C-alpha atoms as a PDB file:
ATOM      1  CA  UNK A   1      -0.007  -0.132   0.195  1.00  0.00           C
ATOM      2  CA  UNK A   2       2.876   2.327   0.646  1.00  0.00           C
ATOM      3  CA  UNK A   3       4.234   1.785  -3.098  1.00  0.00           C
ATOM      4  CA  UNK A   4       1.649   2.613  -4.260  1.00  0.00           C
ATOM      5  CA  UNK A   5       0.700   5.816  -2.612  1.00  0.00           C
ATOM      6  CA  UNK A   6       4.589   7.044  -3.545  1.00  0.00           C
ATOM      7  CA  UNK A   7       3.525   5.929  -6.900  1.00  0.00           C
ATOM      8  CA  UNK A   8       0.196   8.042  -7.300  1.00  0.00           C
ATOM      9  CA  UNK A   9       2.391  11.226  -5.238  1.00  0.00           C
ATOM     10  CA  UNK A  10       5.004  10.634  -7.885  1.00  0.00           C
ATOM     11  CA  UNK A  11       2.522  10.358 -10.935  1.00  0.00           C
ATOM     12  CA  UNK A  12       0.406  13.477  -9.038  1.00  0.00           C
ATOM     13  CA  UNK A  13       3.859  15.545  -8.824  1.00  0.00           C
ATOM     14  CA  UNK A  14       4.794  14.869 -12.943  1.00  0.00           C
ATOM     15  CA  UNK A  15       1.493  16.128 -13.694  1.00  0.00           C
ATOM     16  CA  UNK A  16       1.505  19.091 -11.124  1.00  0.00           C
ATOM     17  CA  UNK A  17       5.158  19.995 -12.568  1.00  0.00           C
ATOM     18  CA  UNK A  18       3.870  19.390 -16.512  1.00  0.00           C
ATOM     19  CA  UNK A  19       1.014  22.004 -15.904  1.00  0.00           C
ATOM     20  CA  UNK A  20       2.594  24.626 -14.049  1.00  0.00           C
ATOM     21  CA  UNK A  21       5.406  24.600 -16.783  1.00  0.00           C
ATOM     22  CA  UNK A  22       2.642  25.683 -19.371  1.00  0.00           C
ATOM     23  CA  UNK A  23       2.296  28.659 -17.210  1.00  0.00           C
ATOM     24  CA  UNK A  24       5.919  29.993 -17.332  1.00  0.00           C
ATOM     25  CA  UNK A  25       5.630  29.121 -21.268  1.00  0.00           C
ATOM     26  CA  UNK A  26       5.766  32.524 -22.863  1.00  0.00           C
ATOM     27  CA  UNK A  27       3.035  33.399 -25.601  1.00  0.00           C
ATOM     28  CA  UNK A  28       2.653  31.702 -28.805  1.00  0.00           C
ATOM     29  CA  UNK A  29       4.979  33.000 -31.065  1.00  0.00           C
ATOM     30  CA  UNK A  30       2.780  32.886 -34.273  1.00  0.00           C
ATOM     31  CA  UNK A  31      -0.528  34.368 -32.703  1.00  0.00           C
ATOM     32  CA  UNK A  32       2.334  37.046 -31.372  1.00  0.00           C
ATOM     33  CA  UNK A  33       2.749  37.673 -35.197  1.00  0.00           C
ATOM     34  CA  UNK A  34      -0.736  37.133 -35.688  1.00  0.00           C
ATOM     35  CA  UNK A  35      -1.727  40.280 -33.324  1.00  0.00           C
ATOM     36  CA  UNK A  36       1.508  42.618 -34.702  1.00  0.00           C
ATOM     37  CA  UNK A  37      -0.203  42.125 -38.507  1.00  0.00           C
ATOM     38  CA  UNK A  38      -3.506  42.558 -37.135  1.00  0.00           C
ATOM     39  CA  UNK A  39      -2.281  46.043 -35.396  1.00  0.00           C
ATOM     40  CA  UNK A  40      -0.153  46.891 -38.402  1.00  0.00           C
ATOM     41  CA  UNK A  41      -2.856  46.337 -40.780  1.00  0.00           C
ATOM     42  CA  UNK A  42      -5.784  48.115 -37.947  1.00  0.00           C
ATOM     43  CA  UNK A  43      -3.188  51.082 -38.241  1.00  0.00           C
ATOM     44  CA  UNK A  44      -2.769  51.714 -41.489  1.00  0.00           C
ATOM     45  CA  UNK A  45      -6.385  51.684 -42.327  1.00  0.00           C
ATOM     46  CA  UNK A  46      -6.569  54.499 -39.311  1.00  0.00           C
ATOM     47  CA  UNK A  47      -3.248  56.640 -40.722  1.00  0.00           C
ATOM     48  CA  UNK A  48      -5.106  56.093 -44.075  1.00  0.00           C
ATOM     49  CA  UNK A  49      -8.567  57.603 -43.296  1.00  0.00           C
ATOM     50  CA  UNK A  50      -7.061  60.336 -41.035  1.00  0.00           C
ATOM     51  CA  UNK A  51      -4.813  61.084 -44.322  1.00  0.00           C
ATOM     52  CA  UNK A  52      -7.896  61.492 -46.550  1.00  0.00           C
ATOM     53  CA  UNK A  53      -9.162  63.619 -44.134  1.00  0.00           C
ATOM     54  CA  UNK A  54      -6.595  66.168 -44.204  1.00  0.00           C
ATOM     55  CA  UNK A  55      -6.470  66.008 -47.979  1.00  0.00           C
ATOM     56  CA  UNK A  56      -9.798  66.775 -48.124  1.00  0.00           C
ATOM     57  CA  UNK A  57      -9.103  69.744 -46.113  1.00  0.00           C
ATOM     58  CA  UNK A  58      -6.564  70.962 -47.876  1.00  0.00           C
ATOM     59  CA  UNK A  59      -8.064  70.832 -50.928  1.00  0.00           C
ATOM     60  CA  UNK A  60     -11.267  73.136 -50.028  1.00  0.00           C
ATOM     61  CA  UNK A  61      -9.169  74.902 -48.628  1.00  0.00           C
ATOM     62  CA  UNK A  62      -7.283  75.607 -51.887  1.00  0.00           C
ATOM     63  CA  UNK A  63     -10.356  75.884 -53.619  1.00  0.00           C
ATOM     64  CA  UNK A  64     -11.974  78.679 -50.728  1.00  0.00           C
ATOM     65  CA  UNK A  65      -8.500  80.468 -51.606  1.00  0.00           C
ATOM     66  CA  UNK A  66      -8.856  80.074 -55.337  1.00  0.00           C
ATOM     67  CA  UNK A  67     -12.376  81.547 -55.066  1.00  0.00           C
ATOM     68  CA  UNK A  68     -11.569  84.452 -52.902  1.00  0.00           C
ATOM     69  CA  UNK A  69      -8.745  85.782 -54.965  1.00  0.00           C
ATOM     70  CA  UNK A  70     -11.382  85.325 -58.075  1.00  0.00           C
ATOM     71  CA  UNK A  71     -13.598  87.467 -56.029  1.00  0.00           C
ATOM     72  CA  UNK A  72     -11.176  89.780 -54.430  1.00  0.00           C
ATOM     73  CA  UNK A  73     -12.661  89.049 -50.956  1.00  0.00           C
ATOM     74  CA  UNK A  74     -10.208  90.064 -48.083  1.00  0.00           C
ATOM     75  CA  UNK A  75     -10.469  86.963 -46.329  1.00  0.00           C
ATOM     76  CA  UNK A  76      -6.408  86.484 -46.089  1.00  0.00           C
ATOM     77  CA  UNK A  77      -3.470  87.226 -48.622  1.00  0.00           C
ATOM     78  CA  UNK A  78      -3.702  85.744 -51.971  1.00  0.00           C
ATOM     79  CA  UNK A  79      -3.264  82.011 -52.148  1.00  0.00           C
ATOM     80  CA  UNK A  80      -3.948  81.887 -47.919  1.00  0.00           C
ATOM     81  CA  UNK A  81      -6.265  79.887 -47.082  1.00  0.00           C
ATOM     82  CA  UNK A  82      -8.849  81.825 -45.028  1.00  0.00           C
ATOM     83  CA  UNK A  83      -8.701  81.172 -41.483  1.00  0.00           C
ATOM     84  CA  UNK A  84     -11.887  78.723 -40.697  1.00  0.00           C
ATOM     85  CA  UNK A  85     -10.089  76.792 -43.300  1.00  0.00           C
ATOM     86  CA  UNK A  86      -6.798  76.782 -41.503  1.00  0.00           C
ATOM     87  CA  UNK A  87      -7.811  75.683 -38.677  1.00  0.00           C
ATOM     88  CA  UNK A  88      -9.496  72.500 -40.329  1.00  0.00           C
ATOM     89  CA  UNK A  89      -6.323  71.630 -41.692  1.00  0.00           C
ATOM     90  CA  UNK A  90      -4.739  72.002 -38.499  1.00  0.00           C
ATOM     91  CA  UNK A  91      -7.306  69.914 -37.267  1.00  0.00           C
ATOM     92  CA  UNK A  92      -7.056  67.191 -39.640  1.00  0.00           C
ATOM     93  CA  UNK A  93      -3.304  67.294 -39.378  1.00  0.00           C
ATOM     94  CA  UNK A  94      -3.762  66.772 -35.444  1.00  0.00           C
ATOM     95  CA  UNK A  95      -6.109  63.703 -36.122  1.00  0.00           C
ATOM     96  CA  UNK A  96      -3.462  62.249 -39.097  1.00  0.00           C
ATOM     97  CA  UNK A  97      -0.300  62.471 -35.817  1.00  0.00           C
ATOM     98  CA  UNK A  98      -2.610  60.895 -33.624  1.00  0.00           C
ATOM     99  CA  UNK A  99      -3.643  58.516 -35.711  1.00  0.00           C
ATOM    100  CA  UNK A 100       0.075  57.429 -36.358  1.00  0.00           C
ATOM    101  CA  UNK A 101       0.797  57.803 -33.001  1.00  0.00           C
ATOM    102  CA  UNK A 102      -2.516  54.841 -32.043  1.00  0.00           C
ATOM    103  CA  UNK A 103      -1.315  53.027 -34.922  1.00  0.00           C
ATOM    104  CA  UNK A 104       2.313  52.939 -33.465  1.00  0.00           C
ATOM    105  CA  UNK A 105       0.620  52.342 -30.151  1.00  0.00           C
ATOM    106  CA  UNK A 106      -1.082  49.139 -31.086  1.00  0.00           C
ATOM    107  CA  UNK A 107       1.834  47.673 -32.970  1.00  0.00           C
ATOM    108  CA  UNK A 108       3.847  48.230 -29.870  1.00  0.00           C
ATOM    109  CA  UNK A 109       1.657  46.926 -27.664  1.00  0.00           C
ATOM    110  CA  UNK A 110       1.543  43.574 -29.761  1.00  0.00           C
ATOM    111  CA  UNK A 111       4.854  43.343 -29.494  1.00  0.00           C
ATOM    112  CA  UNK A 112       5.338  43.496 -26.270  1.00  0.00           C
ATOM    113  CA  UNK A 113       2.846  40.052 -25.690  1.00  0.00           C
ATOM    114  CA  UNK A 114       6.498  38.450 -26.925  1.00  0.00           C
ATOM    115  CA  UNK A 115       7.479  38.949 -23.562  1.00  0.00           C
ATOM    116  CA  UNK A 116       6.859  37.981 -19.779  1.00  0.00           C
ATOM    117  CA  UNK A 117       6.666  39.045 -16.935  1.00  0.00           C
ATOM    118  CA  UNK A 118       8.985  42.349 -16.214  1.00  0.00           C
ATOM    119  CA  UNK A 119      10.413  42.457 -19.377  1.00  0.00           C
ATOM    120  CA  UNK A 120       6.116  42.871 -20.811  1.00  0.00           C
ATOM    121  CA  UNK A 121       5.761  45.481 -18.203  1.00  0.00           C
ATOM    122  CA  UNK A 122       8.541  47.699 -19.382  1.00  0.00           C
ATOM    123  CA  UNK A 123       7.956  47.255 -22.656  1.00  0.00           C
ATOM    124  CA  UNK A 124       3.872  48.370 -21.890  1.00  0.00           C
ATOM    125  CA  UNK A 125       5.420  51.445 -20.322  1.00  0.00           C
ATOM    126  CA  UNK A 126       7.695  52.612 -22.828  1.00  0.00           C
ATOM    127  CA  UNK A 127       5.264  52.254 -25.929  1.00  0.00           C
ATOM    128  CA  UNK A 128       2.774  54.557 -23.577  1.00  0.00           C
ATOM    129  CA  UNK A 129       5.361  56.780 -22.814  1.00  0.00           C
ATOM    130  CA  UNK A 130       6.131  56.961 -26.486  1.00  0.00           C
ATOM    131  CA  UNK A 131       2.745  57.465 -27.157  1.00  0.00           C
ATOM    132  CA  UNK A 132       1.716  60.198 -24.670  1.00  0.00           C
ATOM    133  CA  UNK A 133       4.950  62.115 -26.712  1.00  0.00           C
ATOM    134  CA  UNK A 134       3.579  61.940 -29.480  1.00  0.00           C
ATOM    135  CA  UNK A 135       0.405  62.950 -28.977  1.00  0.00           C
ATOM    136  CA  UNK A 136       1.154  65.724 -26.864  1.00  0.00           C
ATOM    137  CA  UNK A 137       3.470  67.329 -29.386  1.00  0.00           C
ATOM    138  CA  UNK A 138       0.874  66.755 -32.186  1.00  0.00           C
ATOM    139  CA  UNK A 139      -1.623  68.838 -29.630  1.00  0.00           C
ATOM    140  CA  UNK A 140       1.125  71.512 -29.184  1.00  0.00           C
ATOM    141  CA  UNK A 141       1.570  71.613 -33.040  1.00  0.00           C
ATOM    142  CA  UNK A 142      -2.200  71.919 -33.319  1.00  0.00           C
ATOM    143  CA  UNK A 143      -2.326  74.634 -30.909  1.00  0.00           C
ATOM    144  CA  UNK A 144       0.229  76.668 -32.539  1.00  0.00           C
ATOM    145  CA  UNK A 145      -1.564  76.360 -35.687  1.00  0.00           C
ATOM    146  CA  UNK A 146      -4.532  77.524 -34.557  1.00  0.00           C
ATOM    147  CA  UNK A 147      -3.147  80.297 -32.532  1.00  0.00           C
ATOM    148  CA  UNK A 148      -1.646  81.249 -36.172  1.00  0.00           C
ATOM    149  CA  UNK A 149      -5.121  80.959 -37.801  1.00  0.00           C
ATOM    150  CA  UNK A 150      -6.760  83.116 -35.481  1.00  0.00           C
ATOM    151  CA  UNK A 151      -4.422  86.079 -34.833  1.00  0.00           C
END
């Protein structure tokens, strides 16, 4: 009976060790690659949408400037988009800059999934810091452009 208990304990220990070793294993590299590819594709779509919005704002501003110049209106210097259009362009540029930051952040987070423990946390923290910095720079650029458009 003693041998039976010992055998049972050895088998139980072996199964526990096998089960726990699965917990220490990193994420599936194929899954990480798939997540990174998805983040890249989603990011490219965000960027393309924001780029189209900026191009539309630029086209409208060019049209408005041309009409203003043809009519002799005093909305701005010749060839300069009216202030409202300048604000639209600045806001569309901000959206594009932010979309780029979000796309980079999403890809970086997906890449962080390949790591485990403290390395993963440090990777995510660095990605977030870079994102926050990029968004802050875009906001500062937008604020400056809007200030120029207002005054």
